[in-house]
Amino acid sequence: PPNRLYGPTDFFAGPFLICGDGGEDLISLTDSQITKYEKKYHSPLIFLELYPKPITLKCTPELYAKC
């Protein structure tokens, strides 16, 4: 199922990994990047598929489990 929005209408499905770009290699995130992405992705999203694009609602983990 959809997990997170990627752009206005695309989404990630299932688990995903966030890492740094070290050119040809993947690298660890800095502490400030970890803080940024933890804030951004902490709350689960509920996807409502409405035309012309999906709408997302942030929710608590408990509410997400009920959906």
N, C-alpha and C. Protein backbone atom coordinates (compact mmCIF):
# COMPACT_ATOMS: atom_id res chain seq x y z
N PRO A 1 0.83 -1.21 0.00
CA PRO A 1 0.00 0.00 0.00
C PRO A 1 0.87 1.26 0.00
N PRO A 2 0.31 2.41 -0.39
CA PRO A 2 1.06 3.65 -0.35
C PRO A 2 1.62 3.92 1.04
N ASN A 3 2.80 4.53 1.10
CA ASN A 3 3.45 4.82 2.36
C ASN A 3 3.65 6.32 2.54
N ARG A 4 4.32 6.96 1.58
CA ARG A 4 4.61 8.40 1.64
C ARG A 4 4.49 9.01 0.25
N LEU A 5 4.05 10.27 0.22
CA LEU A 5 4.00 10.97 -1.06
C LEU A 5 5.40 11.28 -1.55
N TYR A 6 5.54 11.25 -2.86
CA TYR A 6 6.78 11.63 -3.54
C TYR A 6 6.34 12.50 -4.70
N GLY A 7 6.36 13.80 -4.50
CA GLY A 7 5.81 14.71 -5.50
C GLY A 7 4.31 14.84 -5.28
N PRO A 8 3.63 15.53 -6.18
CA PRO A 8 2.20 15.79 -5.96
C PRO A 8 1.29 14.57 -6.13
N THR A 9 1.68 13.60 -6.97
CA THR A 9 0.78 12.47 -7.21
C THR A 9 1.45 11.10 -7.09
N ASP A 10 2.76 11.05 -6.98
CA ASP A 10 3.46 9.77 -6.87
C ASP A 10 3.68 9.43 -5.40
N PHE A 11 3.92 8.14 -5.14
CA PHE A 11 4.13 7.74 -3.75
C PHE A 11 5.08 6.57 -3.66
N PHE A 12 5.67 6.43 -2.47
CA PHE A 12 6.45 5.24 -2.15
C PHE A 12 5.47 4.20 -1.62
N ALA A 13 5.70 2.94 -1.97
CA ALA A 13 4.89 1.85 -1.44
C ALA A 13 5.81 0.94 -0.63
N GLY A 14 5.41 0.62 0.59
CA GLY A 14 6.22 -0.25 1.43
C GLY A 14 7.37 0.48 2.09
N PRO A 15 8.26 -0.26 2.73
CA PRO A 15 9.39 0.36 3.43
C PRO A 15 10.34 1.07 2.46
N PHE A 16 11.00 2.10 2.95
CA PHE A 16 12.00 2.78 2.14
C PHE A 16 13.15 3.24 3.04
N LEU A 17 14.27 3.53 2.42
CA LEU A 17 15.49 3.90 3.14
C LEU A 17 15.91 5.30 2.71
N ILE A 18 16.28 6.10 3.68
CA ILE A 18 16.80 7.44 3.39
C ILE A 18 18.28 7.42 3.74
N CYS A 19 19.10 7.83 2.79
CA CYS A 19 20.55 7.85 3.01
C CYS A 19 21.13 9.04 2.27
N GLY A 20 22.39 9.32 2.56
CA GLY A 20 23.08 10.41 1.89
C GLY A 20 23.65 9.96 0.56
N ASP A 21 23.95 10.93 -0.29
CA ASP A 21 24.53 10.65 -1.60
C ASP A 21 26.00 11.02 -1.57
N GLY A 22 26.86 10.03 -1.65
CA GLY A 22 28.29 10.26 -1.65
C GLY A 22 28.90 10.08 -3.02
N GLY A 23 28.17 10.47 -4.05
CA GLY A 23 28.66 10.27 -5.42
C GLY A 23 28.33 8.86 -5.87
N GLU A 24 29.33 7.98 -5.90
CA GLU A 24 29.09 6.60 -6.31
C GLU A 24 28.66 5.71 -5.15
N ASP A 25 28.72 6.23 -3.94
CA ASP A 25 28.38 5.44 -2.75
C ASP A 25 27.26 6.09 -1.96
N LEU A 26 26.51 5.27 -1.24
CA LEU A 26 25.53 5.77 -0.28
C LEU A 26 26.28 6.03 1.02
N ILE A 27 25.92 7.12 1.72
CA ILE A 27 26.60 7.46 2.96
C ILE A 27 25.57 7.70 4.06
N SER A 28 26.06 7.72 5.30
CA SER A 28 25.20 7.99 6.46
C SER A 28 24.71 9.43 6.42
N LEU A 29 23.56 9.66 7.04
CA LEU A 29 23.03 11.01 7.19
C LEU A 29 23.76 11.72 8.31
N THR A 30 23.80 13.04 8.23
CA THR A 30 24.33 13.84 9.33
C THR A 30 23.28 13.89 10.43
N ASP A 31 23.66 14.33 11.61
CA ASP A 31 22.70 14.44 12.71
C ASP A 31 21.55 15.39 12.36
N SER A 32 21.86 16.49 11.68
CA SER A 32 20.79 17.43 11.30
C SER A 32 19.86 16.83 10.25
N GLN A 33 20.38 16.02 9.33
CA GLN A 33 19.53 15.35 8.35
C GLN A 33 18.64 14.31 9.03
N ILE A 34 19.19 13.59 9.99
CA ILE A 34 18.39 12.60 10.73
C ILE A 34 17.23 13.31 11.42
N THR A 35 17.50 14.43 12.07
CA THR A 35 16.46 15.20 12.76
C THR A 35 15.40 15.66 11.75
N LYS A 36 15.84 16.18 10.62
CA LYS A 36 14.93 16.68 9.58
C LYS A 36 13.99 15.58 9.10
N TYR A 37 14.54 14.42 8.73
CA TYR A 37 13.72 13.37 8.16
C TYR A 37 12.89 12.63 9.22
N GLU A 38 13.38 12.59 10.45
CA GLU A 38 12.57 11.98 11.51
C GLU A 38 11.33 12.82 11.74
N LYS A 39 11.47 14.15 11.74
CA LYS A 39 10.31 15.04 11.88
C LYS A 39 9.36 14.88 10.70
N LYS A 40 9.93 14.85 9.50
CA LYS A 40 9.11 14.79 8.29
C LYS A 40 8.32 13.50 8.20
N TYR A 41 8.91 12.38 8.59
CA TYR A 41 8.28 11.08 8.38
C TYR A 41 7.82 10.40 9.66
N HIS A 42 7.79 11.12 10.78
CA HIS A 42 7.41 10.50 12.05
C HIS A 42 5.96 10.01 12.07
N SER A 43 5.05 10.86 11.65
CA SER A 43 3.63 10.50 11.69
C SER A 43 3.22 9.71 10.45
N PRO A 44 2.48 8.62 10.64
CA PRO A 44 1.98 7.87 9.48
C PRO A 44 0.98 8.70 8.68
N LEU A 45 0.80 8.33 7.42
CA LEU A 45 -0.17 9.00 6.55
C LEU A 45 -1.26 8.03 6.13
N ILE A 46 -2.47 8.54 6.08
CA ILE A 46 -3.59 7.79 5.51
C ILE A 46 -3.82 8.38 4.12
N PHE A 47 -3.90 7.54 3.10
CA PHE A 47 -4.11 7.99 1.72
C PHE A 47 -5.57 7.86 1.34
N LEU A 48 -6.14 8.95 0.86
CA LEU A 48 -7.49 8.95 0.31
C LEU A 48 -7.35 9.17 -1.19
N GLU A 49 -7.76 8.21 -1.97
CA GLU A 49 -7.58 8.31 -3.42
C GLU A 49 -8.74 9.09 -4.02
N LEU A 50 -8.48 10.35 -4.28
CA LEU A 50 -9.47 11.24 -4.88
C LEU A 50 -8.92 11.76 -6.20
N TYR A 51 -9.79 11.95 -7.16
CA TYR A 51 -9.37 12.47 -8.45
C TYR A 51 -9.17 13.96 -8.33
N PRO A 52 -8.16 14.58 -8.88
CA PRO A 52 -7.13 14.06 -9.77
C PRO A 52 -5.87 13.61 -9.03
N LYS A 53 -5.78 13.79 -7.72
CA LYS A 53 -4.59 13.35 -7.00
C LYS A 53 -4.98 12.86 -5.62
N PRO A 54 -4.16 12.00 -5.03
CA PRO A 54 -4.49 11.50 -3.70
C PRO A 54 -4.37 12.61 -2.65
N ILE A 55 -5.14 12.47 -1.60
CA ILE A 55 -5.06 13.38 -0.46
C ILE A 55 -4.54 12.56 0.70
N THR A 56 -3.64 13.15 1.48
CA THR A 56 -3.09 12.44 2.63
C THR A 56 -3.45 13.16 3.92
N LEU A 57 -3.63 12.38 4.96
CA LEU A 57 -3.91 12.92 6.29
C LEU A 57 -2.89 12.34 7.26
N LYS A 58 -2.24 13.21 8.06
CA LYS A 58 -1.34 12.71 9.10
C LYS A 58 -2.19 12.16 10.23
N CYS A 59 -1.71 11.11 10.86
CA CYS A 59 -2.45 10.53 11.96
C CYS A 59 -1.49 9.92 12.98
N THR A 60 -2.03 9.44 14.07
CA THR A 60 -1.22 8.78 15.08
C THR A 60 -0.99 7.32 14.65
N PRO A 61 0.04 6.67 15.18
CA PRO A 61 0.23 5.25 14.87
C PRO A 61 -0.98 4.39 15.28
N GLU A 62 -1.64 4.75 16.36
CA GLU A 62 -2.81 4.00 16.82
C GLU A 62 -3.97 4.10 15.82
N LEU A 63 -4.23 5.30 15.34
CA LEU A 63 -5.29 5.48 14.35
C LEU A 63 -4.95 4.79 13.04
N TYR A 64 -3.68 4.85 12.65
CA TYR A 64 -3.25 4.20 11.41
C TYR A 64 -3.48 2.69 11.49
N ALA A 65 -3.20 2.10 12.65
CA ALA A 65 -3.39 0.66 12.82
C ALA A 65 -4.85 0.27 12.68
N LYS A 66 -5.77 1.15 13.06
CA LYS A 66 -7.19 0.87 12.93
C LYS A 66 -7.67 0.96 11.48
N CYS A 67 -6.98 1.73 10.68
CA CYS A 67 -7.38 1.91 9.27
C CYS A 67 -6.85 0.75 8.48
